[in-house]
């Protein structure tokens, strides 16, 4: 018997902003404190009581599956987008599906608050929001009833930032069209429904998107200085061998799985990893 899904990690993508790093690992497979980003999200969902979890896989799917212990992985040969990827869960959800973007590191995600408010209101789709702190993220606005307004429409409450945590009802999943779709495409339809698209505002919590080589290096320095950030100004994957590098200097380098730069080399702005028994170097 097919088990119902209670949580889903959106882990499929092209990895465009990660540049050459996407030739080595899909974004959710990069680690912080020795744990893949995918598993950071899975632990947050499990902490909220979500039992059976799923994720989708597009880029280098076998490498994502290698770090997807405990998750049901759905292959996505055709990329389905930020909403379409949840079509994998249609017909598999009994109450609500808690979802998370797998390229985000966060601590203490208040999924319990999100779920309780979602159920209390009987919303079709609920987003976990925090006050917008500025930066490049699109602002989210709500009306007086706390319903999220369509993209580009301002309202009396906001601006807020969407954290990536959401609760989808079976009815929301049924709105997904065939083929690729984006969440923003659904927002006007959701806004027209009685309970519709609910915004659940939480106090800010530790959160960061790890979407570029620079942000991966910064996250390693800030969050894992004794692990991935132990080589100052660089990122060191748990499967790398930085101890083989002596006498030279590495600056803004990312050492991926199996990386072992030649001793005494001086290098900057480069990705190193092992592929087929050979050391590969790509410029960032």
Protein backbone atom coordinates (compact mmCIF):
# COMPACT_ATOMS: atom_id res chain seq x y z
CA UNK A 1 0.00 0.00 0.00
CA UNK A 2 1.32 3.45 -0.95
CA UNK A 3 2.07 5.53 2.13
CA UNK A 4 0.55 9.03 2.42
CA UNK A 5 3.03 11.89 2.11
CA UNK A 6 3.21 14.38 4.99
CA UNK A 7 6.21 16.45 3.89
CA UNK A 8 7.92 17.30 0.62
CA UNK A 9 11.27 18.91 -0.16
CA UNK A 10 11.48 20.80 -3.43
CA UNK A 11 14.93 19.69 -4.56
CA UNK A 12 14.74 19.74 -8.36
CA UNK A 13 16.27 22.54 -10.37
CA UNK A 14 18.90 23.41 -12.93
CA UNK A 15 21.34 24.86 -10.41
CA UNK A 16 22.00 27.79 -12.72
CA UNK A 17 23.08 30.22 -10.01
CA UNK A 18 25.50 27.66 -8.56
CA UNK A 19 27.43 27.80 -11.82
CA UNK A 20 30.14 25.14 -12.11
CA UNK A 21 29.20 23.62 -8.74
CA UNK A 22 26.23 22.03 -10.51
CA UNK A 23 28.64 19.91 -12.53
CA UNK A 24 29.64 18.25 -9.26
CA UNK A 25 26.56 18.04 -7.01
CA UNK A 26 22.95 19.23 -7.12
CA UNK A 27 22.45 22.18 -4.80
CA UNK A 28 20.60 20.31 -2.00
CA UNK A 29 23.46 17.77 -1.76
CA UNK A 30 26.06 20.34 -0.63
CA UNK A 31 26.68 20.09 3.08
CA UNK A 32 26.93 22.28 6.17
CA UNK A 33 28.25 20.72 9.39
CA UNK A 34 28.58 17.50 7.46
CA UNK A 35 24.85 17.31 6.70
CA UNK A 36 23.37 17.87 3.20
CA UNK A 37 21.00 20.81 2.87
CA UNK A 38 18.35 18.26 1.85
CA UNK A 39 18.65 16.55 5.24
CA UNK A 40 18.57 19.84 7.16
CA UNK A 41 15.12 20.38 5.64
CA UNK A 42 14.06 16.80 6.29
CA UNK A 43 14.98 17.10 9.97
CA UNK A 44 12.95 20.30 10.29
CA UNK A 45 9.90 18.55 8.83
CA UNK A 46 10.33 15.50 11.05
CA UNK A 47 10.68 17.72 14.12
CA UNK A 48 7.17 19.00 13.32
CA UNK A 49 5.82 15.45 13.21
CA UNK A 50 5.83 14.94 9.44
CA UNK A 51 6.40 11.23 8.97
CA UNK A 52 6.78 10.04 5.39
CA UNK A 53 8.73 12.58 3.33
CA UNK A 54 9.33 12.94 -0.39
CA UNK A 55 11.51 15.04 -2.66
CA UNK A 56 11.92 15.54 -6.40
CA UNK A 57 15.17 15.14 -8.34
CA UNK A 58 16.21 16.56 -11.72
CA UNK A 59 19.88 17.55 -11.94
CA UNK A 60 22.31 14.66 -11.23
CA UNK A 61 19.49 12.63 -9.69
CA UNK A 62 21.69 9.72 -8.60
CA UNK A 63 23.87 12.06 -6.55
CA UNK A 64 20.81 13.53 -4.89
CA UNK A 65 19.49 10.05 -4.13
CA UNK A 66 22.82 9.21 -2.48
CA UNK A 67 22.06 11.77 0.26
CA UNK A 68 18.29 11.23 0.41
CA UNK A 69 18.20 8.59 3.16
CA UNK A 70 14.69 8.21 4.52
CA UNK A 71 13.02 10.11 1.67
CA UNK A 72 10.93 8.87 -1.23
CA UNK A 73 12.59 10.36 -4.32
CA UNK A 74 10.54 11.23 -7.40
CA UNK A 75 12.51 11.50 -10.63
CA UNK A 76 11.64 14.59 -12.62
CA UNK A 77 13.17 14.27 -16.12
CA UNK A 78 11.17 17.30 -17.26
CA UNK A 79 11.61 20.15 -14.80
CA UNK A 80 8.15 21.01 -13.45
CA UNK A 81 8.84 24.28 -11.62
CA UNK A 82 8.24 25.62 -8.12
CA UNK A 83 4.63 24.40 -8.03
CA UNK A 84 4.52 21.67 -10.66
CA UNK A 85 7.01 19.56 -8.73
CA UNK A 86 4.30 18.96 -6.14
CA UNK A 87 2.25 17.04 -8.70
CA UNK A 88 4.23 14.04 -7.46
CA UNK A 89 2.22 14.29 -4.23
CA UNK A 90 -1.24 14.49 -5.77
CA UNK A 91 -3.46 11.73 -4.43
CA UNK A 92 -0.96 11.00 -1.65
CA UNK A 93 -2.00 13.63 0.92
CA UNK A 94 -4.66 13.07 3.60
CA UNK A 95 -4.64 16.34 5.58
CA UNK A 96 -1.98 18.80 4.47
CA UNK A 97 1.46 18.55 2.88
CA UNK A 98 4.21 20.55 4.57
CA UNK A 99 6.78 21.70 2.03
CA UNK A 100 10.23 23.25 2.14
CA UNK A 101 12.76 24.56 -0.38
CA UNK A 102 15.77 22.27 -0.15
CA UNK A 103 18.37 24.94 -0.98
CA UNK A 104 17.76 26.74 2.32
CA UNK A 105 19.48 26.28 5.67
CA UNK A 106 17.38 27.23 8.69
CA UNK A 107 17.14 26.46 12.37
CA UNK A 108 13.92 26.22 14.36
CA UNK A 109 11.46 26.47 11.44
CA UNK A 110 8.03 26.95 13.11
CA UNK A 111 6.16 24.33 11.07
CA UNK A 112 3.87 23.67 14.06
CA UNK A 113 2.61 27.27 13.95
CA UNK A 114 2.12 27.05 10.20
CA UNK A 115 0.13 23.83 10.40
CA UNK A 116 -2.07 24.92 13.32
CA UNK A 117 -3.06 28.18 11.62
CA UNK A 118 -3.60 26.40 8.30
CA UNK A 119 -6.01 23.96 9.95
CA UNK A 120 -7.72 26.62 12.08
CA UNK A 121 -8.61 28.74 9.05
CA UNK A 122 -9.19 25.84 6.67
CA UNK A 123 -6.90 27.46 4.13
CA UNK A 124 -6.24 26.03 0.69
CA UNK A 125 -2.57 27.01 0.79
CA UNK A 126 -0.63 28.60 3.64
CA UNK A 127 2.77 30.31 3.52
CA UNK A 128 5.08 30.89 6.47
CA UNK A 129 6.16 34.54 6.36
CA UNK A 130 8.54 36.75 8.31
CA UNK A 131 8.86 40.56 8.19
CA UNK A 132 10.78 41.55 5.09
CA UNK A 133 14.30 42.60 6.00
CA UNK A 134 15.19 44.08 2.61
CA UNK A 135 17.37 42.49 -0.01
CA UNK A 136 16.55 40.87 -3.34
CA UNK A 137 13.50 38.83 -2.34
CA UNK A 138 10.07 39.71 -3.70
CA UNK A 139 7.83 41.30 -1.05
CA UNK A 140 4.62 39.52 -0.06
CA UNK A 141 1.53 41.51 0.96
CA UNK A 142 -1.72 40.44 2.64
CA UNK A 143 -5.22 41.81 2.91
CA UNK A 144 -7.02 42.58 6.20
CA UNK A 145 -8.03 38.92 6.57
CA UNK A 146 -4.46 37.71 6.30
CA UNK A 147 -4.82 36.33 2.79
CA UNK A 148 -1.78 36.54 0.53
CA UNK A 149 -2.33 38.86 -2.43
CA UNK A 150 -1.19 38.10 -6.00
CA UNK A 151 2.39 38.97 -6.89
CA UNK A 152 2.82 42.69 -7.50
CA UNK A 153 -0.32 43.67 -5.56
CA UNK A 154 0.26 45.62 -2.35
CA UNK A 155 -2.08 45.57 0.62
CA UNK A 156 -2.54 46.76 4.19
CA UNK A 157 -0.26 44.12 5.73
CA UNK A 158 3.36 43.79 4.68
CA UNK A 159 5.85 43.61 3.24
CA UNK A 160 6.77 40.09 4.29
CA UNK A 161 9.26 37.52 3.08
CA UNK A 162 8.23 33.98 2.12
CA UNK A 163 10.51 31.57 3.99
CA UNK A 164 9.95 28.56 1.73
CA UNK A 165 7.76 26.73 4.27
CA UNK A 166 4.19 26.05 3.11
CA UNK A 167 1.18 23.87 3.86
CA UNK A 168 -0.72 22.56 0.82
CA UNK A 169 -4.20 21.10 1.13
CA UNK A 170 -5.29 18.33 -1.25
CA UNK A 171 -7.51 20.97 -2.88
CA UNK A 172 -4.49 23.17 -3.57
CA UNK A 173 -2.61 20.27 -5.13
CA UNK A 174 -5.65 19.61 -7.34
CA UNK A 175 -5.27 23.12 -8.81
CA UNK A 176 -1.90 22.25 -10.33
CA UNK A 177 -2.11 22.07 -14.13
CA UNK A 178 -0.53 19.45 -16.31
CA UNK A 179 3.11 20.16 -17.03
CA UNK A 180 5.37 22.83 -15.53
CA UNK A 181 3.92 25.55 -13.31
CA UNK A 182 5.08 28.18 -10.84
CA UNK A 183 3.57 29.10 -7.49
CA UNK A 184 3.06 32.69 -8.62
CA UNK A 185 0.84 31.41 -11.45
CA UNK A 186 -1.59 30.04 -8.84
CA UNK A 187 -1.73 33.09 -6.60
CA UNK A 188 -4.56 34.95 -8.43
CA UNK A 189 -6.73 31.80 -8.37
CA UNK A 190 -5.99 31.19 -4.70
CA UNK A 191 -6.78 34.81 -3.78
CA UNK A 192 -10.28 34.38 -5.21
CA UNK A 193 -11.13 31.44 -2.93
CA UNK A 194 -12.93 32.02 0.42
CA UNK A 195 -10.11 30.81 2.70
CA UNK A 196 -7.67 30.71 -0.15
CA UNK A 197 -4.05 31.65 0.35
CA UNK A 198 -3.23 32.30 4.01
CA UNK A 199 -0.17 34.13 5.27
CA UNK A 200 1.14 32.93 8.65
CA UNK A 201 3.53 35.47 10.14
CA UNK A 202 6.27 34.21 12.46
CA UNK A 203 9.07 35.87 14.34
CA UNK A 204 12.33 35.83 12.35
CA UNK A 205 14.41 32.68 12.82
CA UNK A 206 17.90 31.72 11.60
CA UNK A 207 17.51 31.37 7.83
CA UNK A 208 19.69 31.67 4.77
CA UNK A 209 19.46 30.71 1.14
CA UNK A 210 22.49 28.82 -0.15
CA UNK A 211 22.13 29.49 -3.85
CA UNK A 212 25.52 30.64 -5.16
CA UNK A 213 29.18 29.66 -4.69
CA UNK A 214 29.76 32.83 -2.68
CA UNK A 215 26.83 32.13 -0.36
CA UNK A 216 28.09 28.55 0.18
CA UNK A 217 31.51 29.85 1.23
CA UNK A 218 29.88 32.45 3.50
CA UNK A 219 27.59 29.87 5.08
CA UNK A 220 30.55 27.57 5.75
CA UNK A 221 32.44 30.37 7.48
CA UNK A 222 29.47 31.46 9.58
CA UNK A 223 27.81 28.14 10.38
CA UNK A 224 30.54 25.52 10.11
CA UNK A 225 33.91 27.14 10.91
CA UNK A 226 35.26 23.84 12.26
CA UNK A 227 33.96 21.79 9.34
CA UNK A 228 33.31 23.08 5.80
CA UNK A 229 34.68 26.50 6.76
CA UNK A 230 37.92 25.31 8.36
CA UNK A 231 40.03 26.54 5.42
CA UNK A 232 39.61 30.32 5.75
CA UNK A 233 37.84 31.91 2.81
CA UNK A 234 37.03 28.53 1.25
CA UNK A 235 34.52 25.70 1.44
CA UNK A 236 35.68 22.14 2.19
CA UNK A 237 33.29 19.25 1.52
CA UNK A 238 33.49 16.34 4.03
CA UNK A 239 34.74 14.14 1.19
CA UNK A 240 37.59 16.50 0.22
CA UNK A 241 41.23 16.03 1.21
CA UNK A 242 42.56 19.51 2.02
CA UNK A 243 45.38 18.11 4.16
CA UNK A 244 47.17 17.12 0.97
CA UNK A 245 47.47 20.81 0.14
CA UNK A 246 50.48 22.33 1.87
CA UNK A 247 52.73 25.23 1.15
CA UNK A 248 50.43 27.03 -1.30
CA UNK A 249 47.42 29.23 -0.82
CA UNK A 250 43.78 28.74 -1.77
CA UNK A 251 41.52 31.78 -1.94
CA UNK A 252 37.74 31.65 -2.48
CA UNK A 253 37.98 28.02 -3.55
CA UNK A 254 35.43 25.25 -3.14
CA UNK A 255 36.77 21.77 -2.54
CA UNK A 256 34.09 19.28 -3.51
CA UNK A 257 33.91 15.51 -3.02
CA UNK A 258 37.29 13.87 -3.51
CA UNK A 259 39.08 17.18 -4.07
CA UNK A 260 42.83 17.02 -3.48
CA UNK A 261 44.55 20.04 -5.04
CA UNK A 262 48.24 19.48 -5.81
CA UNK A 263 50.58 20.30 -2.90
CA UNK A 264 51.97 23.83 -2.83
CA UNK A 265 49.57 25.11 -5.51
CA UNK A 266 48.26 28.66 -5.22
CA UNK A 267 44.78 29.06 -6.64
CA UNK A 268 41.74 31.32 -6.40
CA UNK A 269 38.09 31.32 -7.45
CA UNK A 270 38.04 27.66 -8.39
CA UNK A 271 36.08 24.47 -7.79
CA UNK A 272 38.04 21.26 -7.30
CA UNK A 273 36.51 17.77 -7.22
CA UNK A 274 37.28 14.19 -8.19
CA UNK A 275 35.63 12.65 -11.25
CA UNK A 276 36.50 9.27 -12.71
CA UNK A 277 39.73 9.08 -10.77
CA UNK A 278 40.92 12.49 -12.00
CA UNK A 279 41.11 15.86 -10.30
CA UNK A 280 38.85 18.40 -12.01
CA UNK A 281 39.33 22.15 -11.70
CA UNK A 282 36.68 24.60 -12.90
CA UNK A 283 36.79 28.36 -12.53
CA UNK A 284 34.04 29.95 -10.46
